[in-house]
Amino acid sequence: MHTVLPTFLTEITTAQVFWALQEPNSEDWVVLDSIAFENAEVMPLWSTQALAKAHCKDEWQSYVPNAISVADWLEFWLDDLHEDGVLVGVNWSENMYEELEVTEFSQALASIEKLS
């Protein structure tokens, strides 16, 4: 049962964006080893810029929060991450994490997507 995902979806519904950390020079995104699954990687995502920015320290101090729109995620990100077997960490933190399959996360996003 998901505990973080419903809140995450509620928080991004109006703006239709969520946040990930990107290194400005290399344009690399933060991806880390899964805590829950062996031999898997997780891309942490946050519902607000402030939550993402709070993680720009220590090994991620050179990274900055970068917005990803729901539409862009579904159009550009879903297939690549799915092919790479990368999981999604929703409102990830060191103390609390919920790792989801990319397809499951994307289906949840599709349910709140506002088509213009």
C-alpha atoms as a PDB file:
ATOM      1  CA  MET A   1       0.000   0.000   0.000  1.00  0.00           C
ATOM      2  CA  HIS A   2       1.298   3.404  -0.911  1.00  0.00           C
ATOM      3  CA  THR A   3       1.552   5.992   1.793  1.00  0.00           C
ATOM      4  CA  VAL A   4       3.443   8.812   0.077  1.00  0.00           C
ATOM      5  CA  LEU A   5       2.052   8.651  -3.467  1.00  0.00           C
ATOM      6  CA  PRO A   6      -1.482  10.024  -2.786  1.00  0.00           C
ATOM      7  CA  THR A   7      -0.058  13.106  -1.039  1.00  0.00           C
ATOM      8  CA  PHE A   8       2.528  13.570  -3.802  1.00  0.00           C
ATOM      9  CA  LEU A   9      -0.213  13.480  -6.467  1.00  0.00           C
ATOM     10  CA  THR A  10      -2.381  15.951  -4.551  1.00  0.00           C
ATOM     11  CA  GLU A  11       0.544  18.355  -4.181  1.00  0.00           C
ATOM     12  CA  ILE A  12       1.414  18.355  -7.907  1.00  0.00           C
ATOM     13  CA  THR A  13      -2.080  18.318  -9.440  1.00  0.00           C
ATOM     14  CA  THR A  14      -2.474  22.093  -9.734  1.00  0.00           C
ATOM     15  CA  ALA A  15       0.998  22.981 -11.019  1.00  0.00           C
ATOM     16  CA  GLN A  16       1.454  19.734 -13.001  1.00  0.00           C
ATOM     17  CA  VAL A  17       5.183  19.671 -12.181  1.00  0.00           C
ATOM     18  CA  PHE A  18       7.437  17.803  -9.808  1.00  0.00           C
ATOM     19  CA  TRP A  19      11.141  18.087  -9.098  1.00  0.00           C
ATOM     20  CA  ALA A  20      14.337  16.108  -9.543  1.00  0.00           C
ATOM     21  CA  LEU A  21      17.967  17.054  -8.948  1.00  0.00           C
ATOM     22  CA  GLN A  22      20.220  17.823 -11.901  1.00  0.00           C
ATOM     23  CA  GLU A  23      23.879  18.784 -12.063  1.00  0.00           C
ATOM     24  CA  PRO A  24      24.005  21.994 -14.160  1.00  0.00           C
ATOM     25  CA  ASN A  25      27.357  21.376 -15.859  1.00  0.00           C
ATOM     26  CA  SER A  26      27.074  17.686 -16.738  1.00  0.00           C
ATOM     27  CA  GLU A  27      23.252  17.742 -16.892  1.00  0.00           C
ATOM     28  CA  ASP A  28      23.290  14.412 -15.026  1.00  0.00           C
ATOM     29  CA  TRP A  29      20.273  13.588 -12.865  1.00  0.00           C
ATOM     30  CA  VAL A  30      20.523  12.111  -9.381  1.00  0.00           C
ATOM     31  CA  VAL A  31      20.007   8.358  -9.511  1.00  0.00           C
ATOM     32  CA  LEU A  32      21.016   6.163  -6.595  1.00  0.00           C
ATOM     33  CA  ASP A  33      21.052   2.529  -5.574  1.00  0.00           C
ATOM     34  CA  SER A  34      17.704   1.189  -4.453  1.00  0.00           C
ATOM     35  CA  ILE A  35      17.299   0.564  -0.756  1.00  0.00           C
ATOM     36  CA  ALA A  36      14.477  -1.943  -1.261  1.00  0.00           C
ATOM     37  CA  PHE A  37      15.584  -3.846  -4.380  1.00  0.00           C
ATOM     38  CA  GLU A  38      18.914  -5.463  -5.147  1.00  0.00           C
ATOM     39  CA  ASN A  39      20.616  -4.435  -8.401  1.00  0.00           C
ATOM     40  CA  ALA A  40      18.152  -1.601  -9.044  1.00  0.00           C
ATOM     41  CA  GLU A  41      18.507   2.162  -9.263  1.00  0.00           C
ATOM     42  CA  VAL A  42      16.084   4.826  -8.092  1.00  0.00           C
ATOM     43  CA  MET A  43      15.474   8.337  -9.368  1.00  0.00           C
ATOM     44  CA  PRO A  44      14.311  10.429  -6.401  1.00  0.00           C
ATOM     45  CA  LEU A  45      11.484  12.880  -7.142  1.00  0.00           C
ATOM     46  CA  TRP A  46       9.852  15.532  -4.973  1.00  0.00           C
ATOM     47  CA  SER A  47       6.496  17.288  -5.102  1.00  0.00           C
ATOM     48  CA  THR A  48       7.954  20.719  -4.301  1.00  0.00           C
ATOM     49  CA  GLN A  49      11.082  22.641  -5.174  1.00  0.00           C
ATOM     50  CA  ALA A  50      11.753  23.210  -1.467  1.00  0.00           C
ATOM     51  CA  LEU A  51      11.737  19.471  -0.698  1.00  0.00           C
ATOM     52  CA  ALA A  52      14.129  18.843  -3.582  1.00  0.00           C
ATOM     53  CA  LYS A  53      16.397  21.753  -2.626  1.00  0.00           C
ATOM     54  CA  ALA A  54      16.723  20.406   0.920  1.00  0.00           C
ATOM     55  CA  HIS A  55      18.714  17.497  -0.552  1.00  0.00           C
ATOM     56  CA  CYS A  56      21.264  19.711  -2.366  1.00  0.00           C
ATOM     57  CA  LYS A  57      23.985  19.054   0.179  1.00  0.00           C
ATOM     58  CA  ASP A  58      26.886  16.692   0.786  1.00  0.00           C
ATOM     59  CA  GLU A  59      27.386  14.554  -2.330  1.00  0.00           C
ATOM     60  CA  TRP A  60      24.558  16.405  -4.105  1.00  0.00           C
ATOM     61  CA  GLN A  61      25.710  19.953  -3.249  1.00  0.00           C
ATOM     62  CA  SER A  62      26.462  20.766  -6.905  1.00  0.00           C
ATOM     63  CA  TYR A  63      22.951  19.718  -7.996  1.00  0.00           C
ATOM     64  CA  VAL A  64      19.922  21.994  -8.361  1.00  0.00           C
ATOM     65  CA  PRO A  65      16.181  21.258  -8.384  1.00  0.00           C
ATOM     66  CA  ASN A  66      14.812  21.057 -11.894  1.00  0.00           C
ATOM     67  CA  ALA A  67      11.097  20.892 -12.696  1.00  0.00           C
ATOM     68  CA  ILE A  68       9.648  18.074 -14.793  1.00  0.00           C
ATOM     69  CA  SER A  69       6.123  18.522 -16.078  1.00  0.00           C
ATOM     70  CA  VAL A  70       3.657  15.654 -15.939  1.00  0.00           C
ATOM     71  CA  ALA A  71       3.220  15.901 -19.720  1.00  0.00           C
ATOM     72  CA  ASP A  72       6.988  15.767 -20.363  1.00  0.00           C
ATOM     73  CA  TRP A  73       7.366  12.806 -18.009  1.00  0.00           C
ATOM     74  CA  LEU A  74       4.706  10.818 -19.830  1.00  0.00           C
ATOM     75  CA  GLU A  75       6.012  11.785 -23.276  1.00  0.00           C
ATOM     76  CA  PHE A  76       9.792  11.671 -22.839  1.00  0.00           C
ATOM     77  CA  TRP A  77      10.830  10.033 -19.558  1.00  0.00           C
ATOM     78  CA  LEU A  78       8.594   7.004 -19.116  1.00  0.00           C
ATOM     79  CA  ASP A  79       9.978   4.801 -21.887  1.00  0.00           C
ATOM     80  CA  ASP A  80      13.660   5.504 -21.238  1.00  0.00           C
ATOM     81  CA  LEU A  81      13.457   4.913 -17.497  1.00  0.00           C
ATOM     82  CA  HIS A  82      11.317   1.815 -17.975  1.00  0.00           C
ATOM     83  CA  GLU A  83      13.823   0.384 -20.470  1.00  0.00           C
ATOM     84  CA  ASP A  84      16.666   1.102 -18.039  1.00  0.00           C
ATOM     85  CA  GLY A  85      14.778  -0.534 -15.152  1.00  0.00           C
ATOM     86  CA  VAL A  86      15.022   2.600 -13.010  1.00  0.00           C
ATOM     87  CA  LEU A  87      12.566   2.917 -10.139  1.00  0.00           C
ATOM     88  CA  VAL A  88      11.087   6.163  -8.817  1.00  0.00           C
ATOM     89  CA  GLY A  89      11.520   7.381  -5.232  1.00  0.00           C
ATOM     90  CA  VAL A  90       8.495   9.513  -4.382  1.00  0.00           C
ATOM     91  CA  ASN A  91       9.278  12.432  -2.026  1.00  0.00           C
ATOM     92  CA  TRP A  92      12.466  10.562  -1.238  1.00  0.00           C
ATOM     93  CA  SER A  93      14.372  11.148   1.957  1.00  0.00           C
ATOM     94  CA  GLU A  94      16.933   9.128   3.866  1.00  0.00           C
ATOM     95  CA  ASN A  95      14.395   8.354   6.572  1.00  0.00           C
ATOM     96  CA  MET A  96      11.345   7.658   4.440  1.00  0.00           C
ATOM     97  CA  TYR A  97      11.176   6.356   0.948  1.00  0.00           C
ATOM     98  CA  GLU A  98       8.663   4.712  -1.301  1.00  0.00           C
ATOM     99  CA  GLU A  99      10.091   3.133  -4.418  1.00  0.00           C
ATOM    100  CA  LEU A 100       7.738   2.488  -7.319  1.00  0.00           C
ATOM    101  CA  GLU A 101       8.000   0.927 -10.741  1.00  0.00           C
ATOM    102  CA  VAL A 102       8.097   3.656 -13.396  1.00  0.00           C
ATOM    103  CA  THR A 103       4.966   2.317 -15.095  1.00  0.00           C
ATOM    104  CA  GLU A 104       2.982   2.352 -11.837  1.00  0.00           C
ATOM    105  CA  PHE A 105       4.107   5.902 -11.060  1.00  0.00           C
ATOM    106  CA  SER A 106       3.329   7.034 -14.607  1.00  0.00           C
ATOM    107  CA  GLN A 107      -0.163   5.534 -14.504  1.00  0.00           C
ATOM    108  CA  ALA A 108      -0.818   7.513 -11.331  1.00  0.00           C
ATOM    109  CA  LEU A 109       0.471  10.670 -13.045  1.00  0.00           C
ATOM    110  CA  ALA A 110      -1.758  10.043 -16.067  1.00  0.00           C
ATOM    111  CA  SER A 111      -4.764  10.004 -13.716  1.00  0.00           C
ATOM    112  CA  ILE A 112      -4.077  13.620 -12.667  1.00  0.00           C
ATOM    113  CA  GLU A 113      -2.764  14.969 -15.982  1.00  0.00           C
ATOM    114  CA  LYS A 114      -4.568  18.076 -17.204  1.00  0.00           C
ATOM    115  CA  LEU A 115      -4.765  18.029 -20.968  1.00  0.00           C
ATOM    116  CA  SER A 116      -4.670  21.460 -22.527  1.00  0.00           C
END
